[in-house]
Amino acid sequence: MYAIVETGGKQYRVMAGDQFNVEKLPGEVGSEVVLDRVLLIGGDETKVGTPYLEGAKVKTVIVQQDKARKILVFRYKAKKNIRKRYGHRQPFTRLQVVAIEA
């Protein structure tokens, strides 16, 4: 059984036992997060929501709170001797799926 959930403005296809990274969510490592914006549940019988399924939930546990690799951004204006370089590390939360409830 798998589910498609929405969190942080993105959609993820998850199965029980999967780990996946989402936009930063509040909470400590080990705490439970319930994702209730379920768009689809697939398997033997597929259920599609309009846009969300009523009563469907995906229970997850926070495994890690961290930051992604640093990306470097370089901006400049040609022939003006204007240069700006800075970095950015996007925070994320790694979740592990415990159960999918239809």
N, C-alpha and C. Protein backbone atom coordinates (compact mmCIF):
# COMPACT_ATOMS: atom_id res chain seq x y z
N MET A 1 0.85 -1.17 0.00
CA MET A 1 0.00 0.00 0.00
C MET A 1 0.90 1.24 0.00
N TYR A 2 0.52 2.22 -0.79
CA TYR A 2 1.26 3.48 -0.83
C TYR A 2 0.27 4.63 -0.77
N ALA A 3 0.82 5.82 -0.50
CA ALA A 3 -0.02 7.01 -0.43
C ALA A 3 0.72 8.18 -1.03
N ILE A 4 -0.02 9.14 -1.53
CA ILE A 4 0.56 10.41 -1.99
C ILE A 4 0.06 11.47 -1.02
N VAL A 5 1.03 12.12 -0.34
CA VAL A 5 0.70 13.14 0.66
C VAL A 5 1.26 14.48 0.23
N GLU A 6 0.64 15.53 0.76
CA GLU A 6 1.09 16.88 0.46
C GLU A 6 1.54 17.55 1.75
N THR A 7 2.74 18.12 1.75
CA THR A 7 3.23 18.90 2.88
C THR A 7 4.28 19.87 2.37
N GLY A 8 4.25 21.06 2.89
CA GLY A 8 5.22 22.07 2.47
C GLY A 8 5.07 22.48 1.02
N GLY A 9 3.88 22.34 0.46
CA GLY A 9 3.65 22.74 -0.93
C GLY A 9 4.15 21.73 -1.95
N LYS A 10 4.58 20.55 -1.50
CA LYS A 10 5.08 19.52 -2.40
C LYS A 10 4.33 18.22 -2.14
N GLN A 11 4.39 17.31 -3.11
CA GLN A 11 3.71 16.03 -2.98
C GLN A 11 4.74 14.91 -2.96
N TYR A 12 4.50 13.90 -2.11
CA TYR A 12 5.43 12.80 -1.93
C TYR A 12 4.68 11.48 -2.01
N ARG A 13 5.29 10.50 -2.69
CA ARG A 13 4.74 9.14 -2.74
C ARG A 13 5.47 8.34 -1.67
N VAL A 14 4.73 7.81 -0.70
CA VAL A 14 5.35 7.14 0.44
C VAL A 14 4.72 5.77 0.67
N MET A 15 5.52 4.88 1.25
CA MET A 15 5.06 3.55 1.66
C MET A 15 5.50 3.35 3.10
N ALA A 16 4.91 2.37 3.79
CA ALA A 16 5.28 2.10 5.18
C ALA A 16 6.76 1.74 5.26
N GLY A 17 7.48 2.39 6.17
CA GLY A 17 8.90 2.14 6.34
C GLY A 17 9.79 3.11 5.58
N ASP A 18 9.24 3.87 4.64
CA ASP A 18 10.04 4.82 3.85
C ASP A 18 10.51 5.99 4.72
N GLN A 19 11.67 6.54 4.35
CA GLN A 19 12.14 7.79 4.93
C GLN A 19 12.21 8.81 3.81
N PHE A 20 11.77 10.04 4.10
CA PHE A 20 11.81 11.08 3.08
C PHE A 20 11.98 12.44 3.75
N ASN A 21 12.55 13.39 3.00
CA ASN A 21 12.82 14.74 3.50
C ASN A 21 11.70 15.67 3.08
N VAL A 22 11.25 16.50 4.03
CA VAL A 22 10.22 17.50 3.76
C VAL A 22 10.72 18.85 4.23
N GLU A 23 9.99 19.90 3.89
CA GLU A 23 10.32 21.22 4.41
C GLU A 23 10.25 21.17 5.93
N LYS A 24 11.01 22.02 6.59
CA LYS A 24 11.15 21.99 8.05
C LYS A 24 9.79 22.01 8.75
N LEU A 25 9.60 21.04 9.66
CA LEU A 25 8.40 20.95 10.48
C LEU A 25 8.79 21.13 11.94
N PRO A 26 7.94 21.74 12.75
CA PRO A 26 8.27 21.88 14.18
C PRO A 26 8.17 20.53 14.87
N GLY A 27 9.05 20.31 15.85
CA GLY A 27 9.00 19.07 16.62
C GLY A 27 10.39 18.55 16.90
N GLU A 28 10.48 17.70 17.90
CA GLU A 28 11.74 17.10 18.31
C GLU A 28 11.91 15.74 17.61
N VAL A 29 13.16 15.27 17.57
CA VAL A 29 13.44 13.95 17.02
C VAL A 29 12.73 12.91 17.88
N GLY A 30 12.03 11.99 17.23
CA GLY A 30 11.29 10.95 17.93
C GLY A 30 9.81 11.26 18.12
N SER A 31 9.41 12.51 17.89
CA SER A 31 7.99 12.85 18.05
C SER A 31 7.20 12.43 16.82
N GLU A 32 5.90 12.21 17.01
CA GLU A 32 5.05 11.74 15.93
C GLU A 32 4.40 12.91 15.20
N VAL A 33 4.35 12.79 13.88
CA VAL A 33 3.69 13.79 13.03
C VAL A 33 2.65 13.06 12.20
N VAL A 34 1.43 13.57 12.19
CA VAL A 34 0.35 12.98 11.39
C VAL A 34 0.12 13.87 10.18
N LEU A 35 0.27 13.30 8.99
CA LEU A 35 0.02 14.02 7.74
C LEU A 35 -1.40 13.66 7.29
N ASP A 36 -2.30 14.66 7.30
CA ASP A 36 -3.70 14.38 6.97
C ASP A 36 -4.09 14.87 5.58
N ARG A 37 -3.17 15.49 4.86
CA ARG A 37 -3.48 15.93 3.50
C ARG A 37 -3.08 14.81 2.53
N VAL A 38 -3.89 13.77 2.49
CA VAL A 38 -3.64 12.60 1.66
C VAL A 38 -4.42 12.76 0.36
N LEU A 39 -3.72 12.72 -0.76
CA LEU A 39 -4.36 12.90 -2.07
C LEU A 39 -4.83 11.59 -2.67
N LEU A 40 -4.08 10.50 -2.42
CA LEU A 40 -4.38 9.22 -3.05
C LEU A 40 -3.84 8.10 -2.19
N ILE A 41 -4.57 7.01 -2.13
CA ILE A 41 -4.08 5.79 -1.50
C ILE A 41 -4.19 4.69 -2.54
N GLY A 42 -3.07 4.04 -2.81
CA GLY A 42 -3.04 3.00 -3.84
C GLY A 42 -2.67 1.65 -3.26
N GLY A 43 -2.86 0.63 -4.05
CA GLY A 43 -2.58 -0.74 -3.63
C GLY A 43 -3.53 -1.65 -4.37
N ASP A 44 -4.20 -2.55 -3.63
CA ASP A 44 -5.20 -3.43 -4.25
C ASP A 44 -6.36 -2.61 -4.81
N GLU A 45 -6.80 -1.63 -4.01
CA GLU A 45 -7.89 -0.76 -4.44
C GLU A 45 -7.40 0.69 -4.33
N THR A 46 -7.52 1.45 -5.39
CA THR A 46 -7.04 2.83 -5.40
C THR A 46 -8.17 3.77 -5.01
N LYS A 47 -7.87 4.68 -4.08
CA LYS A 47 -8.83 5.70 -3.67
C LYS A 47 -8.22 7.06 -3.99
N VAL A 48 -8.98 7.88 -4.70
CA VAL A 48 -8.52 9.20 -5.10
C VAL A 48 -9.38 10.24 -4.42
N GLY A 49 -8.74 11.26 -3.85
CA GLY A 49 -9.47 12.32 -3.17
C GLY A 49 -9.81 13.47 -4.09
N THR A 50 -10.73 14.33 -3.65
CA THR A 50 -11.11 15.51 -4.43
C THR A 50 -11.07 16.75 -3.56
N PRO A 51 -10.00 17.41 -3.26
CA PRO A 51 -8.62 17.00 -3.56
C PRO A 51 -8.04 16.07 -2.51
N TYR A 52 -8.63 16.02 -1.29
CA TYR A 52 -8.07 15.19 -0.22
C TYR A 52 -9.06 14.09 0.14
N LEU A 53 -8.51 12.98 0.66
CA LEU A 53 -9.35 11.88 1.12
C LEU A 53 -9.83 12.15 2.55
N GLU A 54 -11.10 11.95 2.78
CA GLU A 54 -11.68 12.16 4.10
C GLU A 54 -11.23 11.04 5.04
N GLY A 55 -10.70 11.40 6.21
CA GLY A 55 -10.34 10.42 7.22
C GLY A 55 -9.05 9.67 6.97
N ALA A 56 -8.36 9.93 5.88
CA ALA A 56 -7.11 9.24 5.60
C ALA A 56 -5.96 9.97 6.28
N LYS A 57 -5.03 9.20 6.85
CA LYS A 57 -3.88 9.77 7.56
C LYS A 57 -2.64 8.96 7.28
N VAL A 58 -1.50 9.62 7.33
CA VAL A 58 -0.21 8.94 7.28
C VAL A 58 0.53 9.31 8.55
N LYS A 59 0.82 8.31 9.39
CA LYS A 59 1.52 8.55 10.65
C LYS A 59 3.01 8.41 10.41
N THR A 60 3.77 9.43 10.84
CA THR A 60 5.21 9.44 10.66
C THR A 60 5.90 9.80 11.96
N VAL A 61 7.20 9.54 12.01
CA VAL A 61 8.04 9.88 13.16
C VAL A 61 9.20 10.71 12.64
N ILE A 62 9.55 11.78 13.37
CA ILE A 62 10.69 12.61 12.98
C ILE A 62 11.98 11.86 13.30
N VAL A 63 12.79 11.64 12.27
CA VAL A 63 14.06 10.93 12.42
C VAL A 63 15.21 11.91 12.58
N GLN A 64 15.13 13.06 11.88
CA GLN A 64 16.26 13.98 11.86
C GLN A 64 15.77 15.39 11.54
N GLN A 65 16.38 16.38 12.21
CA GLN A 65 16.19 17.80 11.88
C GLN A 65 17.57 18.30 11.47
N ASP A 66 17.73 18.75 10.24
CA ASP A 66 19.06 19.10 9.75
C ASP A 66 18.97 20.18 8.68
N LYS A 67 20.11 20.51 8.09
CA LYS A 67 20.18 21.44 6.98
C LYS A 67 20.79 20.73 5.78
N ALA A 68 20.36 21.11 4.58
CA ALA A 68 20.87 20.52 3.35
C ALA A 68 22.26 21.09 3.04
N ARG A 69 22.88 20.58 1.97
CA ARG A 69 24.18 21.08 1.55
C ARG A 69 24.10 22.57 1.25
N LYS A 70 25.21 23.25 1.43
CA LYS A 70 25.25 24.68 1.14
C LYS A 70 25.29 24.89 -0.37
N ILE A 71 24.48 25.83 -0.83
CA ILE A 71 24.57 26.24 -2.23
C ILE A 71 25.16 27.65 -2.23
N LEU A 72 25.98 27.93 -3.21
CA LEU A 72 26.60 29.25 -3.33
C LEU A 72 25.88 30.03 -4.41
N VAL A 73 25.57 31.28 -4.10
CA VAL A 73 24.88 32.16 -5.03
C VAL A 73 25.83 33.31 -5.34
N PHE A 74 26.03 33.59 -6.61
CA PHE A 74 26.92 34.67 -7.03
C PHE A 74 26.15 35.60 -7.94
N ARG A 75 26.03 36.86 -7.55
CA ARG A 75 25.34 37.86 -8.35
C ARG A 75 26.34 38.93 -8.74
N TYR A 76 26.20 39.43 -9.95
CA TYR A 76 27.09 40.51 -10.38
C TYR A 76 26.40 41.34 -11.45
N LYS A 77 26.92 42.54 -11.62
CA LYS A 77 26.46 43.41 -12.71
C LYS A 77 27.65 43.63 -13.62
N ALA A 78 27.45 43.33 -14.88
CA ALA A 78 28.54 43.41 -15.84
C ALA A 78 29.05 44.85 -15.98
N LYS A 79 30.36 44.99 -16.02
CA LYS A 79 31.06 46.27 -16.27
C LYS A 79 30.87 47.29 -15.15
N LYS A 80 30.33 46.92 -14.02
CA LYS A 80 30.08 47.87 -12.93
C LYS A 80 30.92 47.57 -11.69
N ASN A 81 31.66 46.45 -11.68
CA ASN A 81 32.47 46.03 -10.54
C ASN A 81 31.59 45.82 -9.29
N ILE A 82 30.38 45.29 -9.51
CA ILE A 82 29.49 44.96 -8.41
C ILE A 82 29.39 43.45 -8.35
N ARG A 83 29.82 42.87 -7.23
CA ARG A 83 29.79 41.42 -7.06
C ARG A 83 29.31 41.09 -5.66
N LYS A 84 28.48 40.06 -5.56
CA LYS A 84 27.96 39.64 -4.27
C LYS A 84 27.90 38.12 -4.26
N ARG A 85 28.53 37.50 -3.26
CA ARG A 85 28.52 36.05 -3.14
C ARG A 85 28.03 35.68 -1.74
N TYR A 86 27.06 34.79 -1.69
CA TYR A 86 26.57 34.34 -0.40
C TYR A 86 26.12 32.89 -0.52
N GLY A 87 25.97 32.22 0.62
CA GLY A 87 25.55 30.83 0.65
C GLY A 87 24.21 30.68 1.35
N HIS A 88 23.62 29.51 1.16
CA HIS A 88 22.33 29.23 1.77
C HIS A 88 22.24 27.74 2.07
N ARG A 89 21.77 27.40 3.27
CA ARG A 89 21.51 26.02 3.64
C ARG A 89 20.05 25.90 4.04
N GLN A 90 19.30 25.11 3.27
CA GLN A 90 17.86 24.96 3.50
C GLN A 90 17.61 23.96 4.62
N PRO A 91 16.88 24.34 5.67
CA PRO A 91 16.55 23.37 6.72
C PRO A 91 15.50 22.38 6.23
N PHE A 92 15.61 21.12 6.71
CA PHE A 92 14.64 20.10 6.35
C PHE A 92 14.39 19.18 7.53
N THR A 93 13.34 18.39 7.43
CA THR A 93 12.98 17.38 8.42
C THR A 93 12.90 16.05 7.70
N ARG A 94 13.57 15.02 8.25
CA ARG A 94 13.48 13.68 7.68
C ARG A 94 12.43 12.91 8.47
N LEU A 95 11.44 12.37 7.75
CA LEU A 95 10.35 11.61 8.35
C LEU A 95 10.44 10.15 7.97
N GLN A 96 10.00 9.28 8.88
CA GLN A 96 9.87 7.86 8.58
C GLN A 96 8.40 7.48 8.73
N VAL A 97 7.86 6.81 7.72
CA VAL A 97 6.44 6.44 7.72
C VAL A 97 6.24 5.23 8.63
N VAL A 98 5.31 5.36 9.56
CA VAL A 98 4.99 4.28 10.48
C VAL A 98 3.78 3.50 9.97
N ALA A 99 2.72 4.22 9.58
CA ALA A 99 1.50 3.56 9.14
C ALA A 99 0.72 4.45 8.19
N ILE A 100 -0.01 3.80 7.29
CA ILE A 100 -0.92 4.51 6.39
C ILE A 100 -2.33 4.04 6.74
N GLU A 101 -3.19 4.98 7.14
CA GLU A 101 -4.56 4.64 7.52
C GLU A 101 -5.52 5.19 6.49
N ALA A 102 -6.33 4.30 5.94
CA ALA A 102 -7.33 4.74 4.96
C ALA A 102 -8.54 5.17 5.74
